[in-house]
Amino acid sequence: MTMSRRDVLRGAGGLLGAYVLTSAGRVLRAATPPPMKMPMAMRSTAAMLAAPKVPLINPASLARFVDPLPIPPTMRAAGQRAHKAYPGQQLPYYRMEMRAFQAKLHRDVPATPLWGYAGSFPGPTLEAQRNEPLLVEWVNALPAQHFLPIDHNIHGAGKDTPPVRVVTHVHGARVPADGDGYPEDWYTPGHSKLYLYPNGQDAATLWYHDHAMGITRLNIYAGLAGAYIVRDAEEQKLGLPSGDYDIPLILCDRLLAQDGQLYYPVSDDPSAPWVMQCLGNLPLCNGKIFPFLEVEPRRYRFRLINVANTSFFDLSLSQDQAFQQIASDQGLLSKPLERVRIELYPAERADVLIDFSALAGKSVQLRHQSQGIVEFRVRSSATRDASVLPSALREVPRIDPASAARHRVMTLNEIDDANGNALMMLLDGKHWADPISENPRQNSLETWSFVNLTGDAHPIHLHLVRFQIVDRRPFDLFAWNAHRQLTFTGPAVAPEPHEMGWKDTVRADPGMVTRIAMRFEGEPGRYVWHCHFLEHEDNEMMRPYEVLPATS
């Protein structure tokens, strides 16, 4: 089956097209987004979704752009503490409690029970300077019982496991292994962990979120996510918009009952509620549905972060406006790119500049596909705009994949039952508990090739390292299935211009081999790599890997 890029995006789970709703908000059926013929596992799993026992909110019933966009506050240090890694120094110390709370996601929706860092969703923004370490104590102050459906058949989420457990991962951070948020290092209410963040990396838009084994999808859906921004002197010299004109836009989607309660989709088997995708019909930006932001007629920097479970965002602007993309996951591109559309898979980021200077008195919408999700209302006057759009940003030297010490080839797999219903997803055919098979040496250069044997595009994330996309290349699926032989059926496709910067999450398309190259900088230890569709990650599409000490 040949699929266009648009078909691939639709198949990966497009927002606002996941469910068919009546005017009362009841689910009639799971929608299959035309014209793509969905893979068997996707079709059968979609059919297995149990209809909610309560009516859901229909997006068409909500007034648009009636709530101001919340701007997450910047977290302030609670004091200073010593750490053994920095003898004689006192490091900034932050205390971040995870708590249950209620918030109005829209003016006309009753308050929604949520979990959040510092009792908010998204949590406060953590800001760091390059090479200036800090400490964060992540405190579990949540209730003893979960309010979303746990599937006890999933590895690591058995009935003998506490229902509420957390461990925080800063996505994209170069950290020691004992501060990375290893999925099995969870802890229960009343406990905490103190993590060190050295911040030895380029300026970039990172984000933090829960990573507890087997329930990551539920904890993030409940609200456990926030932005983590690394700054450095080189970026600050560029004159980009800063201060009040540098704003994170944290995007996700949710399903809500008409009483405001979060609804998480389940299968029609109460003893095995896991489903392979969670597609909401309500878009949220910084925790609000269809918000607005008053802006001045000048340049702004927006840090776009997709924290959705499964949905991608296909973003554009009204008024024939274009984005100037300046950064991707791991920091600045080599130069700005003018783009009319930006596609973000779960966990991907894009920093963009939007120039409102010619739009005084008008409004501009940030759209997902054709749907407005945020409205920018441009005031008639502005303070002096000293920001610039530089012609060059930061050098991004390309890695030569031929110089790699090791070339690894791994598959992306989907395991179905006899009826074609998806049971779990795997990486290289291995389960989480299988022996570690990826063990790169510290500071060594490797290439990893992801052979996608499934019908879906998967966002693959590696902890600890930043990488570059080398290429994507079509292959013969039948030859692989018959002989585990990698036979290419066409030339390699170079990454798109916006993918030429440093990344930590890559879209691995179906029918393609996606190759990345990276140097394993950082401390030796045990980390993970996984699909960032949270439903896949929770059900075996995650593997540990170990960075071994460098050879002498």
Protein backbone atom coordinates (compact mmCIF):
# COMPACT_ATOMS: atom_id res chain seq x y z
CA MET A 1 0.00 0.00 0.00
CA THR A 2 1.38 3.38 -0.98
CA MET A 3 0.61 6.23 1.40
CA SER A 4 1.23 9.92 0.99
CA ARG A 5 2.65 12.04 3.82
CA ARG A 6 -0.89 13.31 4.43
CA ASP A 7 -2.21 9.75 4.68
CA VAL A 8 0.57 8.85 7.10
CA LEU A 9 -0.37 11.79 9.28
CA ARG A 10 -4.02 10.85 9.22
CA GLY A 11 -3.20 7.28 10.13
CA ALA A 12 -1.10 8.40 13.09
CA GLY A 13 -4.07 9.99 14.75
CA GLY A 14 -5.36 13.40 13.76
CA LEU A 15 -6.96 15.61 16.40
CA LEU A 16 -10.68 16.43 16.14
CA GLY A 17 -11.30 13.49 13.84
CA ALA A 18 -11.11 10.62 16.31
CA TYR A 19 -14.76 10.19 17.21
CA VAL A 20 -18.19 10.82 15.68
CA LEU A 21 -20.43 12.67 18.13
CA THR A 22 -24.10 13.42 18.27
CA SER A 23 -25.29 16.89 19.21
CA ALA A 24 -25.66 15.54 22.75
CA GLY A 25 -22.02 14.51 22.67
CA ARG A 26 -22.47 10.72 22.64
CA VAL A 27 -20.00 8.56 20.75
CA LEU A 28 -21.68 6.68 17.92
CA ARG A 29 -18.58 5.00 16.49
CA ALA A 30 -14.87 5.41 16.09
CA ALA A 31 -14.20 7.34 12.91
CA THR A 32 -11.76 6.02 10.32
CA PRO A 33 -10.21 9.08 8.72
CA PRO A 34 -10.68 8.85 4.93
CA PRO A 35 -9.23 8.18 2.48
CA MET A 36 -6.63 6.01 4.15
CA LYS A 37 -7.36 2.32 4.54
CA MET A 38 -6.26 1.72 8.10
CA PRO A 39 -4.02 -1.25 8.96
CA MET A 40 -5.87 -4.26 10.35
CA ALA A 41 -4.67 -3.72 13.91
CA MET A 42 -5.78 -0.09 13.86
CA ARG A 43 -9.18 -0.93 12.38
CA SER A 44 -9.87 -3.74 14.82
CA THR A 45 -8.62 -1.77 17.80
CA ALA A 46 -10.76 1.21 16.79
CA ALA A 47 -13.78 -1.10 16.64
CA MET A 48 -12.97 -2.39 20.13
CA LEU A 49 -13.33 1.04 21.74
CA ALA A 50 -16.12 0.94 24.27
CA ALA A 51 -18.68 3.72 23.92
CA PRO A 52 -18.48 6.04 26.94
CA LYS A 53 -21.20 5.50 29.51
CA VAL A 54 -21.54 9.29 29.86
CA PRO A 55 -22.10 11.93 27.16
CA LEU A 56 -18.97 13.73 25.99
CA ILE A 57 -18.57 17.40 25.20
CA ASN A 58 -18.87 18.15 21.50
CA PRO A 59 -16.33 20.79 20.38
CA ALA A 60 -19.01 22.41 18.21
CA SER A 61 -21.02 23.20 21.34
CA LEU A 62 -18.30 25.40 22.86
CA ALA A 63 -17.81 29.11 22.23
CA ARG A 64 -14.39 29.79 20.77
CA PHE A 65 -11.74 32.15 22.06
CA VAL A 66 -13.50 33.27 25.24
CA ASP A 67 -10.75 32.36 27.74
CA PRO A 68 -7.38 34.12 27.97
CA LEU A 69 -4.37 31.93 27.31
CA PRO A 70 -2.62 31.05 30.58
CA ILE A 71 1.14 31.60 30.59
CA PRO A 72 2.80 29.09 32.93
CA PRO A 73 4.78 30.92 35.63
CA THR A 74 8.52 30.45 35.86
CA MET A 75 9.41 28.28 38.84
CA ARG A 76 11.47 30.01 41.52
CA ALA A 77 14.18 28.26 43.48
CA ALA A 78 13.25 27.35 47.06
CA GLY A 79 16.83 27.77 48.22
CA GLN A 80 20.24 26.19 47.71
CA ARG A 81 21.68 22.77 48.47
CA ALA A 82 24.96 20.93 48.20
CA HIS A 83 25.47 17.93 45.92
CA LYS A 84 28.28 15.40 45.91
CA ALA A 85 28.89 15.92 42.19
CA TYR A 86 29.84 19.56 42.84
CA PRO A 87 31.85 19.64 46.07
CA GLY A 88 32.08 23.06 47.69
CA GLN A 89 29.18 24.49 45.67
CA GLN A 90 25.65 25.39 46.61
CA LEU A 91 23.23 24.64 43.77
CA PRO A 92 19.79 26.17 43.15
CA TYR A 93 17.17 23.86 44.66
CA TYR A 94 13.59 23.56 43.38
CA ARG A 95 10.79 21.65 45.09
CA MET A 96 8.05 20.49 42.72
CA GLU A 97 4.99 18.84 44.26
CA MET A 98 2.64 16.72 42.18
CA ARG A 99 -0.87 17.36 43.49
CA ALA A 100 -4.52 16.79 42.64
CA PHE A 101 -6.51 19.93 41.84
CA GLN A 102 -9.42 21.19 39.76
CA ALA A 103 -9.30 23.66 36.88
CA LYS A 104 -11.75 25.14 34.40
CA LEU A 105 -10.50 24.19 30.96
CA HIS A 106 -13.14 26.40 29.30
CA ARG A 107 -15.51 29.10 30.50
CA ASP A 108 -18.57 26.95 29.81
CA VAL A 109 -17.23 23.63 31.14
CA PRO A 110 -17.46 22.61 34.82
CA ALA A 111 -14.13 22.35 36.64
CA THR A 112 -12.10 19.28 35.71
CA PRO A 113 -10.24 17.17 38.30
CA LEU A 114 -6.59 16.93 37.24
CA TRP A 115 -3.12 16.08 38.54
CA GLY A 116 -0.36 18.60 38.03
CA TYR A 117 3.10 19.72 38.99
CA ALA A 118 2.73 22.46 41.61
CA GLY A 119 -1.01 21.87 41.32
CA SER A 120 -1.33 23.22 37.77
CA PHE A 121 -1.56 21.99 34.20
CA PRO A 122 0.78 22.54 32.58
CA GLY A 123 3.23 22.80 35.45
CA PRO A 124 5.47 25.83 36.02
CA THR A 125 8.28 26.41 33.54
CA LEU A 126 11.73 25.45 34.77
CA GLU A 127 14.49 27.66 33.35
CA ALA A 128 18.17 26.79 33.30
CA GLN A 129 21.40 28.26 31.97
CA ARG A 130 23.88 26.11 30.09
CA ASN A 131 26.48 24.52 32.40
CA GLU A 132 24.77 25.88 35.50
CA PRO A 133 23.54 22.80 37.39
CA LEU A 134 20.40 22.75 39.48
CA LEU A 135 18.52 20.33 41.74
CA VAL A 136 14.83 19.45 41.59
CA GLU A 137 13.03 17.48 44.28
CA TRP A 138 10.04 15.83 42.61
CA VAL A 139 7.48 15.23 45.36
CA ASN A 140 4.59 12.77 45.05
CA ALA A 141 1.73 14.42 46.95
CA LEU A 142 -0.99 12.71 44.90
CA PRO A 143 -3.97 10.71 46.24
CA ALA A 144 -3.59 7.00 46.99
CA GLN A 145 -5.95 5.91 44.19
CA HIS A 146 -5.86 6.60 40.47
CA PHE A 147 -8.89 8.13 38.76
CA LEU A 148 -8.12 6.76 35.29
CA PRO A 149 -8.41 3.10 34.13
CA ILE A 150 -5.32 1.00 34.84
CA ASP A 151 -4.80 -2.14 32.75
CA HIS A 152 -3.22 -4.66 35.13
CA ASN A 153 -2.27 -6.95 32.23
CA ILE A 154 0.44 -4.51 31.12
CA HIS A 155 3.98 -5.27 32.25
CA GLY A 156 4.86 -3.21 35.29
CA ALA A 157 1.23 -2.37 36.13
CA GLY A 158 0.10 -5.58 37.79
CA LYS A 159 -2.38 -5.71 40.64
CA ASP A 160 0.53 -6.15 43.05
CA THR A 161 1.82 -2.70 42.02
CA PRO A 162 0.66 0.49 43.79
CA PRO A 163 -1.94 2.24 41.61
CA VAL A 164 -0.41 5.72 42.07
CA ARG A 165 3.30 6.00 41.35
CA VAL A 166 5.39 8.55 39.52
CA VAL A 167 8.89 9.28 38.29
CA THR A 168 9.75 12.43 36.34
CA HIS A 169 11.77 12.53 33.13
CA VAL A 170 13.04 15.78 31.59
CA HIS A 171 12.61 15.01 27.91
CA GLY A 172 15.73 15.96 25.97
CA ALA A 173 17.97 16.56 28.99
CA ARG A 174 21.54 15.27 29.14
CA VAL A 175 21.56 13.93 32.70
CA PRO A 176 23.22 11.22 34.78
CA ALA A 177 21.35 7.91 34.58
CA ASP A 178 20.18 8.16 38.19
CA GLY A 179 18.41 11.45 37.39
CA ASP A 180 16.82 10.51 34.08
CA GLY A 181 13.53 9.20 35.44
CA TYR A 182 14.02 5.50 34.68
CA PRO A 183 10.51 3.97 34.34
CA GLU A 184 11.06 1.39 37.10
CA ASP A 185 12.38 3.98 39.57
CA TRP A 186 8.85 5.06 40.50
CA TYR A 187 7.75 6.03 43.99
CA THR A 188 4.42 6.31 45.77
CA PRO A 189 2.52 9.16 47.50
CA GLY A 190 4.39 10.58 50.45
CA HIS A 191 7.81 10.03 48.85
CA SER A 192 10.12 12.09 46.63
CA LYS A 193 13.32 11.95 44.60
CA LEU A 194 16.04 14.59 44.26
CA TYR A 195 17.48 14.81 40.75
CA LEU A 196 20.54 16.68 39.50
CA TYR A 197 20.40 18.48 36.14
CA PRO A 198 23.89 19.57 34.96
CA ASN A 199 22.43 21.44 31.92
CA GLY A 200 25.56 20.77 29.88
CA GLN A 201 23.86 21.28 26.52
CA ASP A 202 22.87 23.90 23.98
CA ALA A 203 19.90 26.18 24.56
CA ALA A 204 16.72 24.27 23.73
CA THR A 205 13.04 23.84 24.53
CA LEU A 206 12.73 20.68 26.63
CA TRP A 207 9.78 19.44 28.67
CA TYR A 208 9.24 17.36 31.77
CA HIS A 209 6.64 14.68 32.33
CA ASP A 210 5.86 11.53 34.23
CA HIS A 211 7.47 8.27 33.09
CA ALA A 212 6.15 5.61 35.50
CA MET A 213 6.20 2.09 34.10
CA GLY A 214 2.89 0.95 32.64
CA ILE A 215 0.87 4.10 33.47
CA THR A 216 2.76 6.93 31.76
CA ARG A 217 -0.17 7.44 29.37
CA LEU A 218 -2.57 7.90 32.29
CA ASN A 219 -0.34 10.18 34.38
CA ILE A 220 0.39 12.55 31.50
CA TYR A 221 -3.28 12.52 30.43
CA ALA A 222 -4.11 13.49 34.03
CA GLY A 223 -1.87 16.58 33.61
CA LEU A 224 1.69 15.73 34.67
CA ALA A 225 3.71 17.78 32.16
CA GLY A 226 5.48 21.15 31.89
CA ALA A 227 8.19 23.07 30.00
CA TYR A 228 11.92 23.05 30.81
CA ILE A 229 13.92 25.70 28.95
CA VAL A 230 17.71 25.74 28.65
CA ARG A 231 19.26 29.08 27.70
CA ASP A 232 22.81 29.99 26.73
CA ALA A 233 24.86 33.08 25.96
CA GLU A 234 25.26 32.26 22.27
CA GLU A 235 21.51 32.25 21.71
CA GLN A 236 20.96 35.33 23.86
CA LYS A 237 23.36 37.32 21.66
CA LEU A 238 21.12 36.79 18.61
CA GLY A 239 18.52 39.36 19.67
CA LEU A 240 15.54 37.01 19.42
CA PRO A 241 12.29 37.99 21.17
CA SER A 242 12.68 37.47 24.92
CA GLY A 243 10.98 38.07 28.25
CA ASP A 244 7.22 38.57 27.86
CA TYR A 245 7.58 37.95 24.12
CA ASP A 246 8.99 34.42 24.53
CA ILE A 247 6.04 32.11 25.30
CA PRO A 248 5.66 28.31 25.50
CA LEU A 249 2.57 26.92 23.77
CA ILE A 250 1.99 23.44 25.22
CA LEU A 251 -0.43 21.54 22.97
CA CYS A 252 -2.48 18.43 23.67
CA ASP A 253 -5.99 17.03 23.30
CA ARG A 254 -8.52 15.55 25.69
CA LEU A 255 -11.98 13.98 25.88
CA LEU A 256 -14.29 15.47 28.51
CA ALA A 257 -17.62 14.33 29.92
CA GLN A 258 -20.28 17.02 30.05
CA ASP A 259 -19.76 17.30 33.82
CA GLY A 260 -16.12 18.26 33.15
CA GLN A 261 -14.57 14.91 34.10
CA LEU A 262 -11.67 13.63 32.02
CA TYR A 263 -12.63 10.65 29.89
CA TYR A 264 -9.90 8.22 28.88
CA PRO A 265 -10.91 5.74 26.12
CA VAL A 266 -11.01 2.04 26.98
CA SER A 267 -11.60 -1.22 25.16
CA ASP A 268 -14.84 -3.16 25.39
CA ASP A 269 -13.14 -5.68 27.70
CA PRO A 270 -13.30 -4.37 31.30
CA SER A 271 -10.51 -6.73 32.36
CA ALA A 272 -8.15 -5.39 29.65
CA PRO A 273 -8.99 -1.70 29.06
CA TRP A 274 -5.79 -0.75 27.15
CA VAL A 275 -6.26 0.70 23.67
CA MET A 276 -3.47 1.49 21.24
CA GLN A 277 -4.41 5.13 20.71
CA CYS A 278 -5.96 7.98 22.65
CA LEU A 279 -7.34 10.65 20.35
CA GLY A 280 -9.11 13.61 21.89
CA ASN A 281 -11.67 15.87 20.26
CA LEU A 282 -10.86 18.98 22.33
CA PRO A 283 -7.57 20.82 21.66
CA LEU A 284 -5.87 22.44 24.65
CA CYS A 285 -3.14 25.07 24.66
CA ASN A 286 -1.49 25.73 28.03
CA GLY A 287 -4.41 23.95 29.67
CA LYS A 288 -7.26 25.88 27.99
CA ILE A 289 -9.68 24.90 25.22
CA PHE A 290 -9.78 27.44 22.36
CA PRO A 291 -8.02 30.29 24.27
CA PHE A 292 -7.05 33.75 23.01
CA LEU A 293 -3.92 35.82 23.58
CA GLU A 294 -3.61 39.58 23.22
CA VAL A 295 -0.34 40.43 21.49
CA GLU A 296 1.40 43.58 20.37
CA PRO A 297 2.12 44.33 16.70
CA ARG A 298 5.69 43.05 16.89
CA ARG A 299 7.69 39.78 16.82
CA TYR A 300 7.03 36.98 19.29
CA ARG A 301 8.82 33.73 19.92
CA PHE A 302 6.50 30.77 20.55
CA ARG A 303 7.85 27.43 21.76
CA LEU A 304 5.47 24.79 20.35
CA ILE A 305 5.46 21.55 22.36
CA ASN A 306 3.25 18.56 21.57
CA VAL A 307 2.48 16.72 24.84
CA ALA A 308 -0.49 14.72 23.47
CA ASN A 309 -0.74 10.97 24.02
CA THR A 310 -1.14 10.01 20.36
CA SER A 311 -2.30 12.98 18.28
CA PHE A 312 -0.12 14.95 15.90
CA PHE A 313 -0.67 18.65 15.25
CA ASP A 314 -0.76 20.06 11.72
CA LEU A 315 -0.32 23.76 12.42
CA SER A 316 -0.79 26.85 10.26
CA LEU A 317 -1.74 30.52 10.65
CA SER A 318 -4.66 32.48 9.23
CA GLN A 319 -4.25 35.86 7.46
CA ASP A 320 -1.77 34.23 5.06
CA GLN A 321 0.84 34.46 7.79
CA ALA A 322 3.91 32.24 7.85
CA PHE A 323 6.01 30.91 10.68
CA GLN A 324 9.72 31.53 10.86
CA GLN A 325 10.98 28.33 12.47
CA ILE A 326 14.23 28.91 14.36
CA ALA A 327 14.64 25.72 16.41
CA SER A 328 13.59 22.09 16.68
CA ASP A 329 13.80 19.55 19.52
CA GLN A 330 17.39 20.13 20.62
CA GLY A 331 17.91 23.77 19.81
CA LEU A 332 18.55 26.27 17.07
CA LEU A 333 18.58 25.45 13.39
CA SER A 334 21.43 26.77 11.27
CA LYS A 335 19.14 29.47 9.84
CA PRO A 336 15.46 30.46 10.03
CA LEU A 337 13.02 28.58 7.83
CA GLU A 338 9.83 30.17 6.54
CA ARG A 339 7.04 27.62 6.82
CA VAL A 340 3.30 27.78 6.22
CA ARG A 341 2.68 24.42 7.92
CA ILE A 342 4.37 22.76 10.87
CA GLU A 343 3.65 19.15 11.77
CA LEU A 344 4.46 18.02 15.30
CA TYR A 345 4.27 14.43 16.43
CA PRO A 346 3.99 13.68 20.16
CA ALA A 347 7.05 14.98 22.06
CA GLU A 348 8.37 17.03 19.13
CA ARG A 349 9.04 20.76 19.50
CA ALA A 350 9.39 23.70 17.15
CA ASP A 351 10.37 27.23 18.15
CA VAL A 352 8.86 29.80 15.80
CA LEU A 353 8.81 33.56 15.37
CA ILE A 354 5.53 35.20 14.35
CA ASP A 355 5.61 38.83 13.24
CA PHE A 356 2.37 40.64 14.04
CA SER A 357 3.73 44.10 13.13
CA ALA A 358 1.55 44.49 10.00
CA LEU A 359 -1.60 43.20 11.72
CA ALA A 360 -2.45 45.92 14.27
CA GLY A 361 -6.12 45.72 15.20
CA LYS A 362 -6.63 42.35 13.54
CA SER A 363 -6.75 38.78 14.78
CA VAL A 364 -4.77 35.72 13.67
CA GLN A 365 -5.61 32.11 14.44
CA LEU A 366 -3.24 29.26 15.11
CA ARG A 367 -4.95 26.38 13.35
CA HIS A 368 -4.78 22.64 13.50
CA GLN A 369 -5.68 21.62 9.96
CA SER A 370 -8.64 23.96 9.28
CA GLN A 371 -9.68 24.35 12.92
CA GLY A 372 -8.70 27.45 14.87
CA ILE A 373 -7.28 26.41 18.25
CA VAL A 374 -5.74 29.67 19.53
CA GLU A 375 -6.60 33.26 18.55
CA PHE A 376 -4.01 36.03 18.67
CA ARG A 377 -5.62 39.46 19.04
CA VAL A 378 -3.24 42.13 17.86
CA ARG A 379 -3.37 45.42 19.72
CA SER A 380 -3.14 48.73 17.93
CA SER A 381 0.17 49.81 19.48
CA ALA A 382 3.36 48.20 20.69
CA THR A 383 6.35 48.86 22.84
CA ARG A 384 9.59 49.28 20.93
CA ASP A 385 10.59 46.01 19.31
CA ALA A 386 14.35 45.58 19.49
CA SER A 387 14.25 41.93 18.45
CA VAL A 388 15.60 40.72 15.12
CA LEU A 389 15.29 37.75 12.80
CA PRO A 390 18.93 36.79 12.21
CA SER A 391 19.97 35.37 8.86
CA ALA A 392 22.11 32.76 10.64
CA LEU A 393 21.44 31.12 13.99
CA ARG A 394 23.88 28.38 15.07
CA GLU A 395 26.21 26.12 13.15
CA VAL A 396 24.94 22.54 13.02
CA PRO A 397 27.86 20.44 11.72
CA ARG A 398 26.62 17.27 10.03
CA ILE A 399 27.62 13.87 11.39
CA ASP A 400 29.30 11.57 8.87
CA PRO A 401 27.44 8.26 9.32
CA ALA A 402 30.30 6.38 7.64
CA SER A 403 32.50 7.19 10.65
CA ALA A 404 30.19 5.38 13.07
CA ALA A 405 31.70 2.67 15.23
CA ARG A 406 28.51 0.61 15.06
CA HIS A 407 25.51 0.40 12.74
CA ARG A 408 22.44 -1.12 14.39
CA VAL A 409 19.25 -2.23 12.63
CA MET A 410 16.09 -2.57 14.77
CA THR A 411 12.48 -3.26 13.87
CA LEU A 412 9.25 -1.61 14.99
CA ASN A 413 6.69 -4.40 15.54
CA GLU A 414 3.01 -4.85 16.25
CA ILE A 415 1.71 -8.06 17.85
CA ASP A 416 -1.93 -9.01 17.14
CA ASP A 417 -4.21 -11.76 18.42
CA ALA A 418 -5.93 -14.31 16.20
CA ASN A 419 -8.67 -11.79 15.36
CA GLY A 420 -6.27 -9.05 14.31
CA ASN A 421 -6.69 -7.09 17.54
CA ALA A 422 -3.54 -5.32 18.69
CA LEU A 423 -2.13 -6.78 21.89
CA MET A 424 1.14 -4.90 22.22
CA MET A 425 3.87 -3.08 20.33
CA LEU A 426 7.55 -4.10 20.38
CA LEU A 427 10.98 -2.71 19.49
CA ASP A 428 13.17 -5.15 17.57
CA GLY A 429 10.77 -7.93 18.55
CA LYS A 430 11.86 -7.70 22.18
CA HIS A 431 9.98 -7.13 25.40
CA TRP A 432 11.00 -4.64 28.07
CA ALA A 433 12.29 -7.41 30.37
CA ASP A 434 14.45 -9.08 27.71
CA PRO A 435 18.23 -8.70 28.14
CA ILE A 436 19.71 -5.36 27.09
CA SER A 437 20.90 -5.59 23.49
CA GLU A 438 22.01 -1.98 22.80
CA ASN A 439 25.16 -1.09 24.74
CA PRO A 440 27.08 1.73 23.06
CA ARG A 441 30.37 2.99 24.48
CA GLN A 442 30.52 6.42 26.03
CA ASN A 443 31.45 9.07 23.42
CA SER A 444 31.17 6.55 20.58
CA LEU A 445 29.31 7.37 17.37
CA GLU A 446 26.58 5.00 16.14
CA THR A 447 23.82 4.86 13.57
CA TRP A 448 20.48 3.26 14.38
CA SER A 449 18.10 2.22 11.60
CA PHE A 450 14.43 1.72 12.46
CA VAL A 451 12.72 -0.78 10.12
CA ASN A 452 9.02 0.01 10.46
CA LEU A 453 7.02 -3.19 9.96
CA THR A 454 3.75 -1.63 11.16
CA GLY A 455 1.15 0.45 9.33
CA ASP A 456 1.71 3.56 11.45
CA ALA A 457 4.28 6.31 11.75
CA HIS A 458 5.91 6.13 15.21
CA PRO A 459 7.72 8.98 17.00
CA ILE A 460 10.86 7.32 18.38
CA HIS A 461 12.66 9.00 21.29
CA LEU A 462 16.10 8.27 22.73
CA HIS A 463 16.91 9.44 26.23
CA LEU A 464 20.25 11.16 27.01
CA VAL A 465 21.42 11.89 23.46
CA ARG A 466 20.68 14.29 20.66
CA PHE A 467 20.87 12.92 17.15
CA GLN A 468 20.64 13.81 13.49
CA ILE A 469 18.32 12.25 10.95
CA VAL A 470 20.44 10.73 8.17
CA ASP A 471 17.75 9.53 5.75
CA ARG A 472 14.59 7.49 5.18
CA ARG A 473 14.46 4.75 2.58
CA PRO A 474 11.67 2.45 1.33
CA PHE A 475 12.22 -1.29 1.71
CA ASP A 476 10.65 -4.59 0.62
CA LEU A 477 8.43 -5.72 3.51
CA PHE A 478 7.90 -9.18 1.99
CA ALA A 479 11.63 -9.82 1.69
CA TRP A 480 12.11 -8.81 5.30
CA ASN A 481 9.26 -11.00 6.57
CA ALA A 482 10.44 -13.99 4.54
CA HIS A 483 14.19 -13.82 5.11
CA ARG A 484 14.84 -10.90 7.49
CA GLN A 485 16.61 -9.41 4.51
CA LEU A 486 16.74 -5.63 4.12
CA THR A 487 16.10 -4.94 0.43
CA PHE A 488 15.63 -1.31 -0.52
CA THR A 489 13.08 -0.47 -3.20
CA GLY A 490 14.04 3.14 -3.83
CA PRO A 491 16.66 5.80 -3.14
CA ALA A 492 17.29 7.27 0.28
CA VAL A 493 15.21 10.35 1.08
CA ALA A 494 17.10 13.17 2.79
CA PRO A 495 15.57 14.79 5.88
CA GLU A 496 13.42 17.83 5.27
CA PRO A 497 15.07 21.22 5.96
CA HIS A 498 13.38 21.60 9.36
CA GLU A 499 14.75 18.16 10.33
CA MET A 500 18.37 19.17 9.70
CA GLY A 501 18.92 20.41 13.24
CA TRP A 502 19.52 18.37 16.38
CA LYS A 503 16.64 16.09 17.32
CA ASP A 504 15.66 13.75 20.14
CA THR A 505 12.42 12.40 18.62
CA VAL A 506 12.09 11.18 15.04
CA ARG A 507 9.07 10.21 12.96
CA ALA A 508 9.63 6.67 11.65
CA ASP A 509 7.28 6.26 8.69
CA PRO A 510 5.62 2.94 7.68
CA GLY A 511 7.30 1.09 4.85
CA MET A 512 10.53 3.00 5.47
CA VAL A 513 13.87 2.52 7.19
CA THR A 514 14.58 5.65 9.22
CA ARG A 515 18.27 6.12 10.04
CA ILE A 516 19.70 8.41 12.73
CA ALA A 517 23.26 9.12 13.88
CA MET A 518 24.39 10.19 17.34
CA ARG A 519 27.33 10.36 19.70
CA PHE A 520 26.67 8.92 23.15
CA GLU A 521 27.87 11.89 25.14
CA GLY A 522 27.07 11.89 28.82
CA GLU A 523 27.62 9.59 31.75
CA PRO A 524 27.60 5.78 31.50
CA GLY A 525 24.51 4.08 32.82
CA ARG A 526 21.11 2.69 31.94
CA TYR A 527 18.68 4.73 29.83
CA VAL A 528 15.70 3.94 27.58
CA TRP A 529 14.46 4.40 24.03
CA HIS A 530 10.82 4.11 23.07
CA CYS A 531 7.90 5.12 20.91
CA HIS A 532 6.35 8.36 22.17
CA PHE A 533 2.83 7.30 21.40
CA LEU A 534 2.19 6.86 25.11
CA GLU A 535 -0.20 3.94 24.65
CA HIS A 536 2.54 2.09 22.72
CA GLU A 537 5.26 3.02 25.19
CA ASP A 538 3.20 1.67 28.07
CA ASN A 539 2.60 -1.67 26.37
CA GLU A 540 6.13 -2.91 25.60
CA MET A 541 7.24 -0.46 22.90
CA MET A 542 10.12 0.64 25.12
CA ARG A 543 13.54 -0.86 25.68
CA PRO A 544 16.40 -0.17 28.08
CA TYR A 545 19.85 0.52 26.70
CA GLU A 546 23.13 0.91 28.55
CA VAL A 547 25.98 3.31 27.88
CA LEU A 548 29.20 1.53 28.78
CA PRO A 549 32.31 3.40 30.00
CA ALA A 550 34.64 4.62 27.28
CA THR A 551 37.57 2.37 26.52
CA SER A 552 40.91 3.67 27.76
